[in-house]
Amino acid sequence: MLTGKKIRTGIVLAYQSYGDFLRFNPHFHSHILEKGFDEDGNFIHVPISDLENMKECFRQLVIKYFVDAKLLSPELAINLLSWKHSGFSIDNSIRVAASDNKAREAIAQYMARCPVSLNKIIYEPFKGKVLFKTKYNKYFKENLKVYDADEFIARLAQHIPLPRIRLIRYFDLYSSKSRGKWKDWDHVAKLDPDGWKKQNEIEVQKEEKDISDPSDGSENLMVKKSKATWARLIAKVFEIDPLTCPKCGSEMKILSVILDSCEIKKILKHLMKTNKAPPGLDEKVLVDE
């Protein structure tokens, strides 16, 4: 113990089941604040050290979990614990300075990335092959693999998480409950980045304006946020910005939403005539009632 008191720090833990070439390789990425606050609000350095003991503790906890869940027999667990090379490892070689916002953002994106990037794969429909190209991999000793389409889909499907399973978890100061209290904790608020303080103050002012004067013709704050969130989610999933024109690259805006079924059918019929209809469109749907 450094002070004899409880130390509050921040941890983000992200589970990933995949390695390069979609190989099944379960592991965790963590973003850990190497400092923390004691009960008096003092900011104290909490060094991360003794990785060997940390690794062994984690290994024993994982094996114990599988034994308690009756997924491993006690005999097999003892056998696993006797292995010289456990298969577990911990690396903390990547360190981020408190002022390095770009590095912090890059690590956050890496922790939340998808199993495969569309930039790494090419589909050859003639032979039904998927070409997976990446950096030279020391484990496979190559930088290119060719899969049958069904094999590629099977490899990708094994990394789809079960419903309602959270792959990223936030603890202590980074938890949702704690982040909502940052403004009320003077010892935390004074160390917040200036950008966070400014953004937080702007958001509060906008929210108060939208609530007090909803008839000024501007969009509600929650509507703006939902639109921005929708666009970010589409970009993350499909790696395509839905608000960027694919032809000229300029930003697009939604001018109107058409709900009239007759008008929608007219538009779809015109797209079919110009061979620009959405894939899978059935002509029977467009038959006038």
C-alpha atoms as a PDB file:
ATOM      1  CA  MET A   1       0.000   0.000   0.000  1.00  0.00           C
ATOM      2  CA  LEU A   2       1.268   3.463  -0.833  1.00  0.00           C
ATOM      3  CA  THR A   3      -0.808   5.519   1.597  1.00  0.00           C
ATOM      4  CA  GLY A   4      -2.787   2.938   3.531  1.00  0.00           C
ATOM      5  CA  LYS A   5      -5.925   4.244   1.802  1.00  0.00           C
ATOM      6  CA  LYS A   6      -8.045   3.112  -1.113  1.00  0.00           C
ATOM      7  CA  ILE A   7      -6.752   4.312  -4.498  1.00  0.00           C
ATOM      8  CA  ARG A   8      -9.238   5.060  -7.294  1.00  0.00           C
ATOM      9  CA  THR A   9      -7.867   4.650 -10.802  1.00  0.00           C
ATOM     10  CA  GLY A  10      -9.362   4.073 -14.267  1.00  0.00           C
ATOM     11  CA  ILE A  11      -9.391   0.941 -16.437  1.00  0.00           C
ATOM     12  CA  VAL A  12     -10.864   0.159 -19.867  1.00  0.00           C
ATOM     13  CA  LEU A  13     -10.898  -3.548 -20.744  1.00  0.00           C
ATOM     14  CA  ALA A  14     -11.637  -4.761 -24.300  1.00  0.00           C
ATOM     15  CA  TYR A  15     -11.958  -8.425 -25.295  1.00  0.00           C
ATOM     16  CA  GLN A  16     -10.927  -9.520 -28.785  1.00  0.00           C
ATOM     17  CA  SER A  17     -11.192 -13.082 -30.087  1.00  0.00           C
ATOM     18  CA  TYR A  18      -9.242 -12.625 -33.287  1.00  0.00           C
ATOM     19  CA  GLY A  19      -5.683 -12.323 -34.495  1.00  0.00           C
ATOM     20  CA  ASP A  20      -4.331 -11.661 -37.977  1.00  0.00           C
ATOM     21  CA  PHE A  21      -5.972 -13.578 -40.867  1.00  0.00           C
ATOM     22  CA  LEU A  22      -9.036 -14.063 -38.581  1.00  0.00           C
ATOM     23  CA  ARG A  23      -7.139 -16.652 -36.507  1.00  0.00           C
ATOM     24  CA  PHE A  24      -8.915 -17.478 -33.224  1.00  0.00           C
ATOM     25  CA  ASN A  25      -6.677 -15.779 -30.668  1.00  0.00           C
ATOM     26  CA  PRO A  26      -8.583 -14.635 -27.533  1.00  0.00           C
ATOM     27  CA  HIS A  27      -6.924 -11.787 -25.655  1.00  0.00           C
ATOM     28  CA  PHE A  28      -7.645  -8.554 -23.797  1.00  0.00           C
ATOM     29  CA  HIS A  29      -6.509  -5.003 -24.463  1.00  0.00           C
ATOM     30  CA  SER A  30      -6.570  -2.642 -21.506  1.00  0.00           C
ATOM     31  CA  HIS A  31      -6.133   1.076 -21.068  1.00  0.00           C
ATOM     32  CA  ILE A  32      -5.004   1.658 -17.484  1.00  0.00           C
ATOM     33  CA  LEU A  33      -4.472   4.968 -15.715  1.00  0.00           C
ATOM     34  CA  GLU A  34      -1.080   4.577 -14.021  1.00  0.00           C
ATOM     35  CA  LYS A  35      -2.106   7.060 -11.370  1.00  0.00           C
ATOM     36  CA  GLY A  36      -5.033   7.371  -9.041  1.00  0.00           C
ATOM     37  CA  PHE A  37      -6.749   9.428  -6.355  1.00  0.00           C
ATOM     38  CA  ASP A  38      -6.682   8.553  -2.680  1.00  0.00           C
ATOM     39  CA  GLU A  39      -9.614   9.272  -0.365  1.00  0.00           C
ATOM     40  CA  ASP A  40      -8.343  12.835   0.216  1.00  0.00           C
ATOM     41  CA  GLY A  41      -8.223  13.637  -3.498  1.00  0.00           C
ATOM     42  CA  ASN A  42      -4.423  13.455  -3.813  1.00  0.00           C
ATOM     43  CA  PHE A  43      -3.136  12.341  -7.219  1.00  0.00           C
ATOM     44  CA  ILE A  44      -0.709   9.462  -6.626  1.00  0.00           C
ATOM     45  CA  HIS A  45       1.475   7.473  -9.005  1.00  0.00           C
ATOM     46  CA  VAL A  46       0.526   3.774  -9.065  1.00  0.00           C
ATOM     47  CA  PRO A  47       3.262   1.992 -11.061  1.00  0.00           C
ATOM     48  CA  ILE A  48       2.449  -1.162 -13.002  1.00  0.00           C
ATOM     49  CA  SER A  49       5.169  -3.673 -12.215  1.00  0.00           C
ATOM     50  CA  ASP A  50       5.869  -7.353 -11.446  1.00  0.00           C
ATOM     51  CA  LEU A  51       4.235  -8.588 -14.629  1.00  0.00           C
ATOM     52  CA  GLU A  52       5.250 -12.210 -13.971  1.00  0.00           C
ATOM     53  CA  ASN A  53       3.215 -12.442 -10.768  1.00  0.00           C
ATOM     54  CA  MET A  54       0.362 -10.555 -12.419  1.00  0.00           C
ATOM     55  CA  LYS A  55       0.376 -13.030 -15.315  1.00  0.00           C
ATOM     56  CA  GLU A  56       0.398 -16.040 -12.974  1.00  0.00           C
ATOM     57  CA  CYS A  57      -2.448 -14.599 -10.891  1.00  0.00           C
ATOM     58  CA  PHE A  58      -4.514 -14.014 -14.035  1.00  0.00           C
ATOM     59  CA  ARG A  59      -3.787 -17.543 -15.300  1.00  0.00           C
ATOM     60  CA  GLN A  60      -4.924 -19.137 -12.032  1.00  0.00           C
ATOM     61  CA  LEU A  61      -8.099 -17.027 -11.934  1.00  0.00           C
ATOM     62  CA  VAL A  62      -9.007 -18.009 -15.517  1.00  0.00           C
ATOM     63  CA  ILE A  63      -8.459 -21.716 -14.868  1.00  0.00           C
ATOM     64  CA  LYS A  64     -10.416 -21.506 -11.597  1.00  0.00           C
ATOM     65  CA  TYR A  65     -13.301 -19.858 -13.454  1.00  0.00           C
ATOM     66  CA  PHE A  66     -13.457 -22.744 -15.957  1.00  0.00           C
ATOM     67  CA  VAL A  67     -13.325 -25.310 -13.144  1.00  0.00           C
ATOM     68  CA  ASP A  68     -16.116 -23.553 -11.201  1.00  0.00           C
ATOM     69  CA  ALA A  69     -18.183 -23.386 -14.421  1.00  0.00           C
ATOM     70  CA  LYS A  70     -17.606 -27.156 -14.851  1.00  0.00           C
ATOM     71  CA  LEU A  71     -15.900 -26.571 -18.193  1.00  0.00           C
ATOM     72  CA  LEU A  72     -12.671 -28.112 -16.919  1.00  0.00           C
ATOM     73  CA  SER A  73     -12.086 -31.047 -14.598  1.00  0.00           C
ATOM     74  CA  PRO A  74      -9.884 -30.472 -11.515  1.00  0.00           C
ATOM     75  CA  GLU A  75      -7.404 -33.027 -12.875  1.00  0.00           C
ATOM     76  CA  LEU A  76      -7.040 -31.185 -16.186  1.00  0.00           C
ATOM     77  CA  ALA A  77      -6.720 -27.881 -14.313  1.00  0.00           C
ATOM     78  CA  ILE A  78      -3.796 -29.247 -12.278  1.00  0.00           C
ATOM     79  CA  ASN A  79      -2.220 -30.439 -15.515  1.00  0.00           C
ATOM     80  CA  LEU A  80      -2.585 -26.983 -17.081  1.00  0.00           C
ATOM     81  CA  LEU A  81      -1.055 -25.290 -14.030  1.00  0.00           C
ATOM     82  CA  SER A  82       2.013 -27.524 -14.307  1.00  0.00           C
ATOM     83  CA  TRP A  83       2.842 -26.377 -17.846  1.00  0.00           C
ATOM     84  CA  LYS A  84       6.191 -24.606 -18.138  1.00  0.00           C
ATOM     85  CA  HIS A  85       4.879 -22.408 -20.954  1.00  0.00           C
ATOM     86  CA  SER A  86       1.397 -21.407 -19.837  1.00  0.00           C
ATOM     87  CA  GLY A  87       0.289 -19.667 -23.037  1.00  0.00           C
ATOM     88  CA  PHE A  88      -0.486 -16.506 -21.029  1.00  0.00           C
ATOM     89  CA  SER A  89       1.462 -13.289 -21.459  1.00  0.00           C
ATOM     90  CA  ILE A  90       1.227  -9.625 -20.479  1.00  0.00           C
ATOM     91  CA  ASP A  91       2.816  -6.703 -22.320  1.00  0.00           C
ATOM     92  CA  ASN A  92       2.841  -3.093 -21.148  1.00  0.00           C
ATOM     93  CA  SER A  93       5.427  -1.707 -23.552  1.00  0.00           C
ATOM     94  CA  ILE A  94       3.012   0.867 -25.017  1.00  0.00           C
ATOM     95  CA  ARG A  95       2.773   3.911 -22.781  1.00  0.00           C
ATOM     96  CA  VAL A  96       0.855   7.115 -23.535  1.00  0.00           C
ATOM     97  CA  ALA A  97       1.726  10.521 -22.134  1.00  0.00           C
ATOM     98  CA  ALA A  98      -1.098  12.444 -20.507  1.00  0.00           C
ATOM     99  CA  SER A  99      -0.897  15.179 -23.169  1.00  0.00           C
ATOM    100  CA  ASP A 100      -0.719  12.830 -26.191  1.00  0.00           C
ATOM    101  CA  ASN A 101      -4.341  12.930 -27.348  1.00  0.00           C
ATOM    102  CA  LYS A 102      -3.591  11.431 -30.785  1.00  0.00           C
ATOM    103  CA  ALA A 103      -1.942   8.337 -29.291  1.00  0.00           C
ATOM    104  CA  ARG A 104      -4.805   7.902 -26.833  1.00  0.00           C
ATOM    105  CA  GLU A 105      -7.364   8.112 -29.642  1.00  0.00           C
ATOM    106  CA  ALA A 106      -5.374   5.662 -31.794  1.00  0.00           C
ATOM    107  CA  ILE A 107      -5.246   3.093 -28.979  1.00  0.00           C
ATOM    108  CA  ALA A 108      -8.974   3.497 -28.300  1.00  0.00           C
ATOM    109  CA  GLN A 109      -9.740   2.869 -31.986  1.00  0.00           C
ATOM    110  CA  TYR A 110      -7.444  -0.165 -32.032  1.00  0.00           C
ATOM    111  CA  MET A 111      -9.199  -1.641 -28.975  1.00  0.00           C
ATOM    112  CA  ALA A 112     -12.643  -1.194 -30.576  1.00  0.00           C
ATOM    113  CA  ARG A 113     -11.732  -2.237 -34.121  1.00  0.00           C
ATOM    114  CA  CYS A 114     -13.566  -4.874 -36.175  1.00  0.00           C
ATOM    115  CA  PRO A 115     -12.133  -8.393 -36.786  1.00  0.00           C
ATOM    116  CA  VAL A 116     -11.188  -7.518 -40.360  1.00  0.00           C
ATOM    117  CA  SER A 117     -10.644  -4.374 -42.395  1.00  0.00           C
ATOM    118  CA  LEU A 118     -12.243  -4.095 -45.828  1.00  0.00           C
ATOM    119  CA  ASN A 119      -8.990  -2.587 -47.066  1.00  0.00           C
ATOM    120  CA  LYS A 120      -7.257  -5.945 -46.467  1.00  0.00           C
ATOM    121  CA  ILE A 121      -9.617  -8.192 -48.423  1.00  0.00           C
ATOM    122  CA  ILE A 122     -10.425  -8.582 -52.124  1.00  0.00           C
ATOM    123  CA  TYR A 123     -13.227 -10.806 -53.417  1.00  0.00           C
ATOM    124  CA  GLU A 124     -12.764 -12.631 -56.722  1.00  0.00           C
ATOM    125  CA  PRO A 125     -16.325 -13.609 -57.783  1.00  0.00           C
ATOM    126  CA  PHE A 126     -15.169 -15.632 -60.810  1.00  0.00           C
ATOM    127  CA  LYS A 127     -13.393 -18.242 -58.662  1.00  0.00           C
ATOM    128  CA  GLY A 128     -15.262 -17.529 -55.421  1.00  0.00           C
ATOM    129  CA  LYS A 129     -12.039 -16.679 -53.600  1.00  0.00           C
ATOM    130  CA  VAL A 130     -11.232 -14.090 -50.924  1.00  0.00           C
ATOM    131  CA  LEU A 131      -7.711 -12.636 -50.951  1.00  0.00           C
ATOM    132  CA  PHE A 132      -6.581 -11.508 -47.486  1.00  0.00           C
ATOM    133  CA  LYS A 133      -3.505  -9.282 -47.630  1.00  0.00           C
ATOM    134  CA  THR A 134      -1.826  -7.777 -44.585  1.00  0.00           C
ATOM    135  CA  LYS A 135       1.618  -6.978 -43.188  1.00  0.00           C
ATOM    136  CA  TYR A 136       4.145  -9.805 -43.007  1.00  0.00           C
ATOM    137  CA  ASN A 137       3.086 -12.093 -40.166  1.00  0.00           C
ATOM    138  CA  LYS A 138       5.902 -13.846 -38.282  1.00  0.00           C
ATOM    139  CA  TYR A 139       3.544 -16.557 -37.021  1.00  0.00           C
ATOM    140  CA  PHE A 140       2.293 -17.527 -40.498  1.00  0.00           C
ATOM    141  CA  LYS A 141       5.515 -16.410 -42.245  1.00  0.00           C
ATOM    142  CA  GLU A 142       3.508 -14.775 -45.027  1.00  0.00           C
ATOM    143  CA  ASN A 143       1.473 -11.668 -45.797  1.00  0.00           C
ATOM    144  CA  LEU A 144      -1.222 -13.146 -48.063  1.00  0.00           C
ATOM    145  CA  LYS A 145      -3.796 -15.892 -47.658  1.00  0.00           C
ATOM    146  CA  VAL A 146      -6.450 -17.110 -50.106  1.00  0.00           C
ATOM    147  CA  TYR A 147      -9.733 -18.492 -48.747  1.00  0.00           C
ATOM    148  CA  ASP A 148     -12.769 -20.026 -50.341  1.00  0.00           C
ATOM    149  CA  ALA A 149     -15.702 -17.662 -49.822  1.00  0.00           C
ATOM    150  CA  ASP A 150     -17.546 -20.060 -47.498  1.00  0.00           C
ATOM    151  CA  GLU A 151     -14.375 -20.707 -45.461  1.00  0.00           C
ATOM    152  CA  PHE A 152     -13.806 -16.958 -45.073  1.00  0.00           C
ATOM    153  CA  ILE A 153     -17.397 -16.448 -43.878  1.00  0.00           C
ATOM    154  CA  ALA A 154     -17.014 -19.330 -41.407  1.00  0.00           C
ATOM    155  CA  ARG A 155     -13.802 -17.830 -40.010  1.00  0.00           C
ATOM    156  CA  LEU A 156     -15.428 -14.427 -39.686  1.00  0.00           C
ATOM    157  CA  ALA A 157     -18.623 -15.810 -38.107  1.00  0.00           C
ATOM    158  CA  GLN A 158     -16.719 -17.345 -35.175  1.00  0.00           C
ATOM    159  CA  HIS A 159     -15.906 -13.832 -33.976  1.00  0.00           C
ATOM    160  CA  ILE A 160     -19.525 -12.608 -33.858  1.00  0.00           C
ATOM    161  CA  PRO A 161     -20.284 -12.046 -30.151  1.00  0.00           C
ATOM    162  CA  LEU A 162     -23.326 -13.543 -28.473  1.00  0.00           C
ATOM    163  CA  PRO A 163     -26.357 -11.239 -28.061  1.00  0.00           C
ATOM    164  CA  ARG A 164     -26.151  -8.737 -25.177  1.00  0.00           C
ATOM    165  CA  ILE A 165     -22.500  -9.558 -24.491  1.00  0.00           C
ATOM    166  CA  ARG A 166     -20.395  -6.487 -23.709  1.00  0.00           C
ATOM    167  CA  LEU A 167     -16.911  -6.717 -25.204  1.00  0.00           C
ATOM    168  CA  ILE A 168     -15.673  -3.425 -23.736  1.00  0.00           C
ATOM    169  CA  ARG A 169     -16.006  -2.616 -20.047  1.00  0.00           C
ATOM    170  CA  TYR A 170     -15.162   0.526 -18.083  1.00  0.00           C
ATOM    171  CA  PHE A 171     -14.122   0.443 -14.442  1.00  0.00           C
ATOM    172  CA  ASP A 172     -13.756   2.896 -11.570  1.00  0.00           C
ATOM    173  CA  LEU A 173     -13.056   6.457 -12.779  1.00  0.00           C
ATOM    174  CA  TYR A 174     -13.842   5.491 -16.388  1.00  0.00           C
ATOM    175  CA  SER A 175     -17.221   3.935 -15.571  1.00  0.00           C
ATOM    176  CA  SER A 176     -20.381   5.713 -16.709  1.00  0.00           C
ATOM    177  CA  LYS A 177     -21.420   6.354 -13.109  1.00  0.00           C
ATOM    178  CA  SER A 178     -18.092   7.976 -12.242  1.00  0.00           C
ATOM    179  CA  ARG A 179     -17.838  10.035 -15.450  1.00  0.00           C
ATOM    180  CA  GLY A 180     -21.162  11.626 -14.601  1.00  0.00           C
ATOM    181  CA  LYS A 181     -19.644  12.884 -11.334  1.00  0.00           C
ATOM    182  CA  TRP A 182     -16.399  14.308 -12.722  1.00  0.00           C
ATOM    183  CA  LYS A 183     -17.794  17.853 -12.720  1.00  0.00           C
ATOM    184  CA  ASP A 184     -18.701  17.534  -9.037  1.00  0.00           C
ATOM    185  CA  TRP A 185     -15.254  16.270  -7.986  1.00  0.00           C
ATOM    186  CA  ASP A 186     -12.945  19.281  -7.825  1.00  0.00           C
ATOM    187  CA  HIS A 187      -9.815  17.117  -7.558  1.00  0.00           C
ATOM    188  CA  VAL A 188     -10.795  15.348 -10.805  1.00  0.00           C
ATOM    189  CA  ALA A 189     -12.220  18.344 -12.685  1.00  0.00           C
ATOM    190  CA  LYS A 190      -9.060  20.424 -12.264  1.00  0.00           C
ATOM    191  CA  LEU A 191      -7.025  17.701 -14.028  1.00  0.00           C
ATOM    192  CA  ASP A 192      -9.473  17.203 -16.897  1.00  0.00           C
ATOM    193  CA  PRO A 193      -8.104  18.224 -20.327  1.00  0.00           C
ATOM    194  CA  ASP A 194      -9.021  21.742 -21.394  1.00  0.00           C
ATOM    195  CA  GLY A 195     -10.768  20.348 -24.462  1.00  0.00           C
ATOM    196  CA  TRP A 196     -13.034  18.173 -22.312  1.00  0.00           C
ATOM    197  CA  LYS A 197     -13.895  21.136 -20.054  1.00  0.00           C
ATOM    198  CA  LYS A 198     -14.707  23.380 -23.001  1.00  0.00           C
ATOM    199  CA  GLN A 199     -16.776  20.733 -24.779  1.00  0.00           C
ATOM    200  CA  ASN A 200     -18.679  19.914 -21.612  1.00  0.00           C
ATOM    201  CA  GLU A 201     -19.546  23.546 -20.989  1.00  0.00           C
ATOM    202  CA  ILE A 202     -20.710  24.005 -24.604  1.00  0.00           C
ATOM    203  CA  GLU A 203     -22.926  20.941 -24.448  1.00  0.00           C
ATOM    204  CA  VAL A 204     -24.538  22.125 -21.216  1.00  0.00           C
ATOM    205  CA  GLN A 205     -25.265  25.558 -22.697  1.00  0.00           C
ATOM    206  CA  LYS A 206     -26.776  24.057 -25.865  1.00  0.00           C
ATOM    207  CA  GLU A 207     -28.961  21.723 -23.865  1.00  0.00           C
ATOM    208  CA  GLU A 208     -30.263  24.556 -21.703  1.00  0.00           C
ATOM    209  CA  LYS A 209     -31.023  26.644 -24.832  1.00  0.00           C
ATOM    210  CA  ASP A 210     -32.922  23.830 -26.536  1.00  0.00           C
ATOM    211  CA  ILE A 211     -35.041  23.208 -23.452  1.00  0.00           C
ATOM    212  CA  SER A 212     -35.793  26.883 -22.740  1.00  0.00           C
ATOM    213  CA  ASP A 213     -36.478  27.918 -26.342  1.00  0.00           C
ATOM    214  CA  PRO A 214     -37.636  24.953 -28.456  1.00  0.00           C
ATOM    215  CA  SER A 215     -39.435  27.173 -30.969  1.00  0.00           C
ATOM    216  CA  ASP A 216     -36.391  28.964 -32.385  1.00  0.00           C
ATOM    217  CA  GLY A 217     -36.435  26.769 -35.505  1.00  0.00           C
ATOM    218  CA  SER A 218     -33.243  24.890 -34.649  1.00  0.00           C
ATOM    219  CA  GLU A 219     -33.043  21.129 -34.179  1.00  0.00           C
ATOM    220  CA  ASN A 220     -33.297  19.664 -30.718  1.00  0.00           C
ATOM    221  CA  LEU A 221     -29.900  18.785 -29.225  1.00  0.00           C
ATOM    222  CA  MET A 222     -30.825  15.105 -28.832  1.00  0.00           C
ATOM    223  CA  VAL A 223     -31.847  14.953 -32.513  1.00  0.00           C
ATOM    224  CA  LYS A 224     -28.477  16.358 -33.562  1.00  0.00           C
ATOM    225  CA  LYS A 225     -26.649  13.900 -31.344  1.00  0.00           C
ATOM    226  CA  SER A 226     -28.640  10.935 -32.649  1.00  0.00           C
ATOM    227  CA  LYS A 227     -27.874  11.889 -36.271  1.00  0.00           C
ATOM    228  CA  ALA A 228     -24.168  12.186 -35.529  1.00  0.00           C
ATOM    229  CA  THR A 229     -24.190   8.873 -33.676  1.00  0.00           C
ATOM    230  CA  TRP A 230     -26.005   7.143 -36.537  1.00  0.00           C
ATOM    231  CA  ALA A 231     -23.439   8.406 -39.053  1.00  0.00           C
ATOM    232  CA  ARG A 232     -20.518   7.286 -36.865  1.00  0.00           C
ATOM    233  CA  LEU A 233     -22.001   3.817 -36.402  1.00  0.00           C
ATOM    234  CA  ILE A 234     -22.517   3.358 -40.153  1.00  0.00           C
ATOM    235  CA  ALA A 235     -18.938   4.479 -40.757  1.00  0.00           C
ATOM    236  CA  LYS A 236     -17.575   2.052 -38.133  1.00  0.00           C
ATOM    237  CA  VAL A 237     -19.544  -0.966 -39.353  1.00  0.00           C
ATOM    238  CA  PHE A 238     -19.236  -0.525 -43.127  1.00  0.00           C
ATOM    239  CA  GLU A 239     -16.138   1.730 -43.191  1.00  0.00           C
ATOM    240  CA  ILE A 240     -18.107   4.120 -45.398  1.00  0.00           C
ATOM    241  CA  ASP A 241     -19.191   7.620 -44.419  1.00  0.00           C
ATOM    242  CA  PRO A 242     -22.920   7.780 -45.354  1.00  0.00           C
ATOM    243  CA  LEU A 243     -22.779  11.578 -45.449  1.00  0.00           C
ATOM    244  CA  THR A 244     -19.939  11.762 -48.000  1.00  0.00           C
ATOM    245  CA  CYS A 245     -20.736  11.800 -51.730  1.00  0.00           C
ATOM    246  CA  PRO A 246     -19.030   8.778 -53.392  1.00  0.00           C
ATOM    247  CA  LYS A 247     -18.493  10.780 -56.607  1.00  0.00           C
ATOM    248  CA  CYS A 248     -17.101  14.162 -55.542  1.00  0.00           C
ATOM    249  CA  GLY A 249     -16.294  13.514 -51.873  1.00  0.00           C
ATOM    250  CA  SER A 250     -18.247  16.524 -50.582  1.00  0.00           C
ATOM    251  CA  GLU A 251     -20.522  16.390 -47.542  1.00  0.00           C
ATOM    252  CA  MET A 252     -24.166  15.488 -48.185  1.00  0.00           C
ATOM    253  CA  LYS A 253     -27.235  16.609 -46.246  1.00  0.00           C
ATOM    254  CA  ILE A 254     -30.672  15.039 -45.853  1.00  0.00           C
ATOM    255  CA  LEU A 255     -33.128  17.363 -47.612  1.00  0.00           C
ATOM    256  CA  SER A 256     -36.340  15.412 -47.058  1.00  0.00           C
ATOM    257  CA  VAL A 257     -37.800  12.063 -46.022  1.00  0.00           C
ATOM    258  CA  ILE A 258     -40.385  10.575 -48.412  1.00  0.00           C
ATOM    259  CA  LEU A 259     -43.060   8.447 -46.751  1.00  0.00           C
ATOM    260  CA  ASP A 260     -45.687   8.380 -49.521  1.00  0.00           C
ATOM    261  CA  SER A 261     -45.703   4.809 -50.959  1.00  0.00           C
ATOM    262  CA  CYS A 262     -46.768   6.004 -54.440  1.00  0.00           C
ATOM    263  CA  GLU A 263     -43.871   8.440 -54.669  1.00  0.00           C
ATOM    264  CA  ILE A 264     -41.444   5.770 -53.439  1.00  0.00           C
ATOM    265  CA  LYS A 265     -42.650   3.354 -56.154  1.00  0.00           C
ATOM    266  CA  LYS A 266     -42.171   6.013 -58.841  1.00  0.00           C
ATOM    267  CA  ILE A 267     -38.589   6.596 -57.703  1.00  0.00           C
ATOM    268  CA  LEU A 268     -37.818   2.858 -57.572  1.00  0.00           C
ATOM    269  CA  LYS A 269     -39.319   2.284 -61.051  1.00  0.00           C
ATOM    270  CA  HIS A 270     -37.144   5.058 -62.440  1.00  0.00           C
ATOM    271  CA  LEU A 271     -34.054   3.508 -60.807  1.00  0.00           C
ATOM    272  CA  MET A 272     -34.917   0.137 -62.345  1.00  0.00           C
ATOM    273  CA  LYS A 273     -35.189   1.702 -65.811  1.00  0.00           C
ATOM    274  CA  THR A 274     -31.726   3.263 -65.410  1.00  0.00           C
ATOM    275  CA  ASN A 275     -30.240   0.025 -63.969  1.00  0.00           C
ATOM    276  CA  LYS A 276     -29.559   1.711 -60.634  1.00  0.00           C
ATOM    277  CA  ALA A 277     -32.107  -0.133 -58.509  1.00  0.00           C
ATOM    278  CA  PRO A 278     -31.159  -1.392 -55.023  1.00  0.00           C
ATOM    279  CA  PRO A 279     -29.937  -5.027 -55.028  1.00  0.00           C
ATOM    280  CA  GLY A 280     -32.637  -7.666 -54.562  1.00  0.00           C
ATOM    281  CA  LEU A 281     -35.508  -5.402 -55.574  1.00  0.00           C
ATOM    282  CA  ASP A 282     -38.519  -7.442 -56.721  1.00  0.00           C
ATOM    283  CA  GLU A 283     -40.585  -5.972 -59.570  1.00  0.00           C
ATOM    284  CA  LYS A 284     -43.754  -7.457 -58.028  1.00  0.00           C
ATOM    285  CA  VAL A 285     -43.415  -5.022 -55.139  1.00  0.00           C
ATOM    286  CA  LEU A 286     -43.726  -2.121 -57.573  1.00  0.00           C
ATOM    287  CA  VAL A 287     -46.990  -3.318 -59.171  1.00  0.00           C
ATOM    288  CA  ASP A 288     -49.675  -0.660 -58.700  1.00  0.00           C
ATOM    289  CA  GLU A 289     -52.444  -1.769 -56.404  1.00  0.00           C
END
